[in-house]
């Protein structure tokens, strides 16, 4: 006997951006946050990193920049892994425990 299961709902597709530099001054200031907010829920970037300046993330409360930030590309990688873990697509480890050294 073969059992049929309903298909899983499509997962949310995270959007992100990674760059070395930004021509905006400041790199993660109001122009970026305004552009991110203008995208709406359908065009939203969930997170991003401008390696020379810091990183940003967007959630239901809005978009937020973290700048200046030591080792922003590494922080971005750890946050990306944590975000993917929350959607159950990456094995669970406490990646933010490894990220604590970035503040030093």
Protein backbone atom coordinates (compact mmCIF):
# COMPACT_ATOMS: atom_id res chain seq x y z
CA UNK A 1 0.00 0.00 0.00
CA UNK A 2 1.40 3.33 -1.05
CA UNK A 3 0.66 6.40 1.09
CA UNK A 4 0.40 9.80 -0.55
CA UNK A 5 1.41 12.87 1.41
CA UNK A 6 0.46 16.41 0.49
CA UNK A 7 3.36 18.46 -0.89
CA UNK A 8 5.29 20.63 1.51
CA UNK A 9 4.56 24.33 1.19
CA UNK A 10 7.25 26.23 -0.64
CA UNK A 11 9.83 27.64 1.76
CA UNK A 12 10.48 31.35 2.03
CA UNK A 13 13.39 32.35 -0.21
CA UNK A 14 15.78 34.64 1.62
CA UNK A 15 17.20 37.61 -0.26
CA UNK A 16 20.60 39.07 0.45
CA UNK A 17 23.41 41.24 -0.80
CA UNK A 18 27.16 41.04 -0.33
CA UNK A 19 29.55 43.71 -1.64
CA UNK A 20 32.98 45.06 -0.86
CA UNK A 21 32.14 48.77 -0.96
CA UNK A 22 29.29 51.26 -1.26
CA UNK A 23 29.30 54.64 -2.99
CA UNK A 24 26.68 55.93 -0.56
CA UNK A 25 27.95 58.12 2.27
CA UNK A 26 27.69 56.71 4.86
CA UNK A 27 27.83 53.22 3.39
CA UNK A 28 25.03 51.84 5.56
CA UNK A 29 23.15 55.04 6.31
CA UNK A 30 19.71 56.47 5.64
CA UNK A 31 19.84 56.15 1.79
CA UNK A 32 20.34 52.38 2.08
CA UNK A 33 17.69 51.96 4.78
CA UNK A 34 15.21 54.03 2.73
CA UNK A 35 15.89 51.94 -0.38
CA UNK A 36 15.43 48.73 1.61
CA UNK A 37 12.14 49.96 3.06
CA UNK A 38 10.86 50.91 -0.41
CA UNK A 39 11.10 47.30 -1.59
CA UNK A 40 8.08 46.18 0.43
CA UNK A 41 7.63 42.61 1.64
CA UNK A 42 7.89 41.08 -1.85
CA UNK A 43 11.10 42.89 -2.78
CA UNK A 44 12.71 42.83 0.64
CA UNK A 45 16.33 41.92 1.21
CA UNK A 46 16.58 39.99 4.44
CA UNK A 47 20.22 40.76 5.10
CA UNK A 48 23.34 42.12 3.52
CA UNK A 49 26.93 43.10 4.03
CA UNK A 50 29.05 45.93 2.71
CA UNK A 51 32.43 44.58 3.82
CA UNK A 52 34.02 48.02 4.17
CA UNK A 53 31.21 49.33 6.39
CA UNK A 54 29.17 46.67 8.18
CA UNK A 55 25.99 44.70 7.66
CA UNK A 56 22.21 45.13 7.71
CA UNK A 57 19.20 42.95 8.32
CA UNK A 58 15.48 43.39 7.79
CA UNK A 59 12.64 41.79 9.69
CA UNK A 60 9.03 42.49 10.54
CA UNK A 61 10.04 45.54 12.59
CA UNK A 62 11.99 47.17 9.74
CA UNK A 63 15.55 47.38 8.43
CA UNK A 64 18.51 47.96 10.70
CA UNK A 65 22.18 48.66 9.99
CA UNK A 66 25.08 47.56 12.16
CA UNK A 67 28.02 49.83 11.42
CA UNK A 68 30.89 50.07 12.12
CA UNK A 69 31.40 46.40 12.72
CA UNK A 70 34.60 44.44 13.19
CA UNK A 71 34.91 41.66 10.61
CA UNK A 72 31.56 42.35 8.88
CA UNK A 73 31.94 39.62 6.22
CA UNK A 74 32.47 36.97 8.91
CA UNK A 75 29.55 38.35 10.94
CA UNK A 76 27.41 38.22 7.78
CA UNK A 77 28.37 34.56 7.21
CA UNK A 78 27.46 33.62 10.78
CA UNK A 79 24.13 35.47 10.60
CA UNK A 80 23.36 33.83 7.25
CA UNK A 81 24.00 30.39 8.72
CA UNK A 82 21.82 31.25 11.75
CA UNK A 83 19.05 32.49 9.43
CA UNK A 84 19.20 29.31 7.36
CA UNK A 85 19.14 27.23 10.54
CA UNK A 86 15.93 28.95 11.57
CA UNK A 87 14.38 27.67 8.36
CA UNK A 88 15.75 24.16 9.07
CA UNK A 89 17.95 24.00 5.98
CA UNK A 90 21.31 23.84 7.83
CA UNK A 91 22.27 21.48 10.69
CA UNK A 92 21.79 23.00 14.12
CA UNK A 93 24.85 24.30 15.95
CA UNK A 94 25.04 27.44 18.04
CA UNK A 95 26.74 29.54 15.36
CA UNK A 96 26.26 32.75 17.35
CA UNK A 97 28.50 31.28 20.07
CA UNK A 98 31.31 31.30 17.49
CA UNK A 99 30.41 34.85 16.49
CA UNK A 100 31.07 36.27 19.97
CA UNK A 101 34.78 36.67 19.20
CA UNK A 102 33.92 39.16 16.44
CA UNK A 103 33.26 41.89 19.01
CA UNK A 104 36.92 41.84 20.09
